[in-house]
């Protein structure tokens, strides 16, 4: 099977206020493929799988809140799960 044209990079850790922060990025070897291509779909699936692994690791370490930032998949960046104050 040929090597994928991307790398899913995920870094995670606790912020100072105790939120598990996941920073996820798709890096494309030959530039971003066109929207709707199979390659972008495979890249997004790989990114989501990596985020799920880091989420499970955070939970195992006691995380009860999470913030995820994703980039490199046809957007400037998306932040998901920004905890509201008091929750």
N, C-alpha and C. Protein backbone atom coordinates (compact mmCIF):
# COMPACT_ATOMS: atom_id res chain seq x y z
N UNK A 1 0.85 -1.18 0.00
CA UNK A 1 0.00 0.00 0.00
C UNK A 1 0.89 1.24 0.00
N UNK A 2 0.64 2.21 -0.89
CA UNK A 2 1.47 3.40 -0.96
C UNK A 2 1.30 4.28 0.29
N UNK A 3 2.34 5.04 0.58
CA UNK A 3 2.31 5.94 1.73
C UNK A 3 1.29 7.05 1.49
N UNK A 4 0.56 7.43 2.56
CA UNK A 4 -0.43 8.50 2.44
C UNK A 4 0.27 9.84 2.17
N UNK A 5 -0.41 10.76 1.49
CA UNK A 5 0.21 12.04 1.17
C UNK A 5 0.09 13.07 2.30
N UNK A 6 -0.14 12.60 3.51
CA UNK A 6 -0.32 13.51 4.64
C UNK A 6 0.26 12.91 5.91
N UNK A 7 0.40 13.76 6.90
CA UNK A 7 0.77 13.33 8.25
C UNK A 7 -0.22 13.98 9.20
N UNK A 8 -0.84 13.19 10.07
CA UNK A 8 -1.73 13.72 11.10
C UNK A 8 -0.89 13.92 12.36
N UNK A 9 -0.74 15.17 12.77
CA UNK A 9 0.04 15.51 13.96
C UNK A 9 -0.91 15.97 15.06
N UNK A 10 -0.78 15.37 16.24
CA UNK A 10 -1.62 15.73 17.37
C UNK A 10 -0.75 15.88 18.60
N UNK A 11 -0.91 17.01 19.28
CA UNK A 11 -0.25 17.26 20.56
C UNK A 11 -1.33 17.59 21.57
N UNK A 12 -1.17 17.11 22.79
CA UNK A 12 -2.19 17.37 23.80
C UNK A 12 -1.55 17.50 25.18
N UNK A 13 -2.25 18.19 26.03
CA UNK A 13 -1.81 18.35 27.41
C UNK A 13 -2.80 19.23 28.16
N UNK A 14 -2.61 19.31 29.46
CA UNK A 14 -3.49 20.12 30.28
C UNK A 14 -3.07 21.59 30.23
N UNK A 15 -4.06 22.47 30.14
CA UNK A 15 -3.78 23.90 30.24
C UNK A 15 -3.68 24.27 31.72
N UNK A 16 -3.30 25.50 31.99
CA UNK A 16 -3.17 25.95 33.37
C UNK A 16 -4.47 25.85 34.14
N UNK A 17 -5.60 25.99 33.44
CA UNK A 17 -6.90 25.91 34.13
C UNK A 17 -7.52 24.52 34.08
N UNK A 18 -6.74 23.50 33.75
CA UNK A 18 -7.18 22.12 33.84
C UNK A 18 -7.95 21.57 32.66
N UNK A 19 -7.97 22.29 31.55
CA UNK A 19 -8.66 21.81 30.35
C UNK A 19 -7.68 20.97 29.53
N UNK A 20 -8.13 19.82 29.04
CA UNK A 20 -7.31 18.99 28.17
C UNK A 20 -7.36 19.63 26.78
N UNK A 21 -6.25 20.13 26.30
CA UNK A 21 -6.19 20.85 25.03
C UNK A 21 -5.53 19.95 23.99
N UNK A 22 -6.24 19.73 22.89
CA UNK A 22 -5.73 18.91 21.79
C UNK A 22 -5.53 19.82 20.59
N UNK A 23 -4.31 19.87 20.09
CA UNK A 23 -3.98 20.64 18.89
C UNK A 23 -3.70 19.63 17.78
N UNK A 24 -4.55 19.60 16.77
CA UNK A 24 -4.46 18.60 15.70
C UNK A 24 -4.27 19.29 14.36
N UNK A 25 -3.34 18.77 13.57
CA UNK A 25 -3.03 19.38 12.28
C UNK A 25 -2.74 18.31 11.23
N UNK A 26 -3.28 18.54 10.04
CA UNK A 26 -2.93 17.72 8.88
C UNK A 26 -1.87 18.45 8.09
N UNK A 27 -0.75 17.80 7.87
CA UNK A 27 0.30 18.35 7.03
C UNK A 27 0.32 17.57 5.73
N UNK A 28 0.26 18.29 4.61
CA UNK A 28 0.17 17.68 3.28
C UNK A 28 1.52 17.75 2.60
N UNK A 29 2.02 16.62 2.17
CA UNK A 29 3.32 16.53 1.53
C UNK A 29 3.38 17.33 0.24
N UNK A 30 2.35 17.26 -0.59
CA UNK A 30 2.35 17.94 -1.89
C UNK A 30 1.32 19.05 -1.97
N UNK A 31 0.99 19.67 -0.86
CA UNK A 31 -0.01 20.73 -0.85
C UNK A 31 -1.40 20.18 -0.62
N UNK A 32 -2.28 21.04 -0.21
CA UNK A 32 -3.66 20.68 0.11
C UNK A 32 -4.39 20.18 -1.12
N UNK A 33 -4.99 18.96 -1.05
CA UNK A 33 -5.74 18.45 -2.21
C UNK A 33 -7.07 19.20 -2.35
N UNK A 34 -7.72 19.07 -3.50
CA UNK A 34 -8.99 19.77 -3.71
C UNK A 34 -10.08 19.23 -2.78
N UNK A 35 -10.98 20.11 -2.38
CA UNK A 35 -12.12 19.74 -1.54
C UNK A 35 -12.90 18.63 -2.24
N UNK A 36 -13.31 17.63 -1.46
CA UNK A 36 -14.08 16.51 -2.01
C UNK A 36 -13.26 15.34 -2.50
N UNK A 37 -11.93 15.47 -2.49
CA UNK A 37 -11.09 14.38 -2.99
C UNK A 37 -11.00 13.26 -1.95
N UNK A 38 -10.71 12.06 -2.42
CA UNK A 38 -10.52 10.93 -1.51
C UNK A 38 -9.39 11.18 -0.53
N UNK A 39 -8.35 11.85 -1.01
CA UNK A 39 -7.20 12.12 -0.13
C UNK A 39 -7.58 12.99 1.06
N UNK A 40 -8.39 14.01 0.83
CA UNK A 40 -8.79 14.87 1.95
C UNK A 40 -9.67 14.09 2.91
N UNK A 41 -10.51 13.20 2.38
CA UNK A 41 -11.34 12.37 3.24
C UNK A 41 -10.51 11.43 4.11
N UNK A 42 -9.51 10.79 3.52
CA UNK A 42 -8.63 9.90 4.30
C UNK A 42 -7.85 10.68 5.34
N UNK A 43 -7.42 11.88 4.97
CA UNK A 43 -6.69 12.71 5.92
C UNK A 43 -7.56 13.11 7.10
N UNK A 44 -8.79 13.50 6.83
CA UNK A 44 -9.71 13.88 7.92
C UNK A 44 -9.99 12.70 8.83
N UNK A 45 -10.18 11.52 8.25
CA UNK A 45 -10.41 10.33 9.08
C UNK A 45 -9.21 10.04 9.97
N UNK A 46 -8.01 10.15 9.42
CA UNK A 46 -6.79 9.93 10.21
C UNK A 46 -6.68 10.97 11.33
N UNK A 47 -7.03 12.21 11.02
CA UNK A 47 -6.97 13.27 12.03
C UNK A 47 -7.98 13.00 13.15
N UNK A 48 -9.19 12.61 12.79
CA UNK A 48 -10.21 12.31 13.80
C UNK A 48 -9.82 11.12 14.66
N UNK A 49 -9.21 10.10 14.07
CA UNK A 49 -8.76 8.94 14.84
C UNK A 49 -7.68 9.35 15.84
N UNK A 50 -6.77 10.22 15.40
CA UNK A 50 -5.71 10.70 16.30
C UNK A 50 -6.29 11.54 17.44
N UNK A 51 -7.29 12.36 17.13
CA UNK A 51 -7.95 13.17 18.16
C UNK A 51 -8.65 12.26 19.16
N UNK A 52 -9.33 11.22 18.67
CA UNK A 52 -10.01 10.27 19.57
C UNK A 52 -9.02 9.59 20.51
N UNK A 53 -7.85 9.21 19.98
CA UNK A 53 -6.83 8.59 20.84
C UNK A 53 -6.37 9.55 21.94
N UNK A 54 -6.13 10.81 21.57
CA UNK A 54 -5.69 11.79 22.56
C UNK A 54 -6.81 12.11 23.55
N UNK A 55 -8.04 12.09 23.08
CA UNK A 55 -9.18 12.29 23.99
C UNK A 55 -9.26 11.19 25.03
N UNK A 56 -9.07 9.96 24.59
CA UNK A 56 -9.09 8.82 25.52
C UNK A 56 -7.92 8.90 26.50
N UNK A 57 -6.77 9.34 26.01
CA UNK A 57 -5.61 9.50 26.90
C UNK A 57 -5.88 10.57 27.94
N UNK A 58 -6.48 11.67 27.53
CA UNK A 58 -6.83 12.74 28.47
C UNK A 58 -7.82 12.26 29.52
N UNK A 59 -8.81 11.51 29.08
CA UNK A 59 -9.80 10.96 30.02
C UNK A 59 -9.10 10.06 31.04
N UNK A 60 -8.18 9.22 30.57
CA UNK A 60 -7.45 8.32 31.47
C UNK A 60 -6.60 9.10 32.47
N UNK A 61 -6.20 10.31 32.09
CA UNK A 61 -5.40 11.15 32.99
C UNK A 61 -6.26 12.06 33.86
N UNK A 62 -7.60 11.92 33.74
CA UNK A 62 -8.50 12.66 34.61
C UNK A 62 -9.17 13.87 34.01
N UNK A 63 -9.03 14.08 32.70
CA UNK A 63 -9.66 15.24 32.06
C UNK A 63 -11.17 15.12 32.10
N UNK A 64 -11.83 16.22 32.42
CA UNK A 64 -13.29 16.28 32.37
C UNK A 64 -13.77 17.31 31.37
N UNK A 65 -12.86 18.15 30.86
CA UNK A 65 -13.18 19.15 29.84
C UNK A 65 -12.09 19.10 28.77
N UNK A 66 -12.50 19.39 27.54
CA UNK A 66 -11.53 19.34 26.43
C UNK A 66 -11.76 20.49 25.47
N UNK A 67 -10.68 20.94 24.86
CA UNK A 67 -10.75 21.91 23.77
C UNK A 67 -9.90 21.33 22.64
N UNK A 68 -10.45 21.31 21.44
CA UNK A 68 -9.75 20.75 20.28
C UNK A 68 -9.60 21.85 19.22
N UNK A 69 -8.38 22.00 18.74
CA UNK A 69 -8.14 22.92 17.63
C UNK A 69 -7.61 22.07 16.47
N UNK A 70 -8.27 22.21 15.30
CA UNK A 70 -7.87 21.46 14.11
C UNK A 70 -7.48 22.43 13.01
N UNK A 71 -6.45 22.08 12.24
CA UNK A 71 -6.08 22.88 11.09
C UNK A 71 -5.48 21.99 10.01
N UNK A 72 -5.40 22.55 8.81
CA UNK A 72 -4.81 21.82 7.68
C UNK A 72 -5.79 20.98 6.89
N UNK A 73 -7.09 21.26 7.03
CA UNK A 73 -8.08 20.45 6.33
C UNK A 73 -9.14 21.33 5.65
N UNK A 74 -8.69 22.37 4.97
CA UNK A 74 -9.53 23.31 4.21
C UNK A 74 -10.17 24.39 5.05
N UNK A 75 -9.61 24.71 6.19
CA UNK A 75 -10.11 25.83 6.96
C UNK A 75 -8.93 26.57 7.56
N UNK A 76 -9.18 27.73 8.07
CA UNK A 76 -8.13 28.47 8.76
C UNK A 76 -7.83 27.80 10.10
N UNK A 77 -8.75 27.04 10.60
CA UNK A 77 -8.62 26.37 11.90
C UNK A 77 -9.97 26.39 12.59
N UNK A 78 -10.27 25.33 13.26
CA UNK A 78 -11.54 25.21 13.97
C UNK A 78 -11.22 24.84 15.41
N UNK A 79 -11.90 25.49 16.34
CA UNK A 79 -11.78 25.10 17.74
C UNK A 79 -13.12 24.53 18.16
N UNK A 80 -13.08 23.34 18.76
CA UNK A 80 -14.29 22.63 19.17
C UNK A 80 -14.27 22.45 20.68
N UNK A 81 -15.44 22.58 21.28
CA UNK A 81 -15.58 22.24 22.69
C UNK A 81 -15.01 23.29 23.63
N UNK A 82 -15.04 24.54 23.22
CA UNK A 82 -14.56 25.61 24.10
C UNK A 82 -15.47 25.62 25.33
N UNK A 83 -14.95 25.26 26.48
CA UNK A 83 -15.78 25.22 27.68
C UNK A 83 -16.27 26.60 28.04
N UNK A 84 -17.54 26.67 28.43
CA UNK A 84 -18.10 27.93 28.88
C UNK A 84 -17.76 28.10 30.35
N UNK A 85 -17.66 29.32 30.80
CA UNK A 85 -17.34 29.53 32.20
C UNK A 85 -18.45 28.98 33.08
N UNK A 86 -18.03 28.35 34.16
CA UNK A 86 -18.99 27.79 35.10
C UNK A 86 -19.49 26.40 34.79
N UNK A 87 -18.98 25.76 33.72
CA UNK A 87 -19.44 24.41 33.42
C UNK A 87 -18.41 23.39 33.78
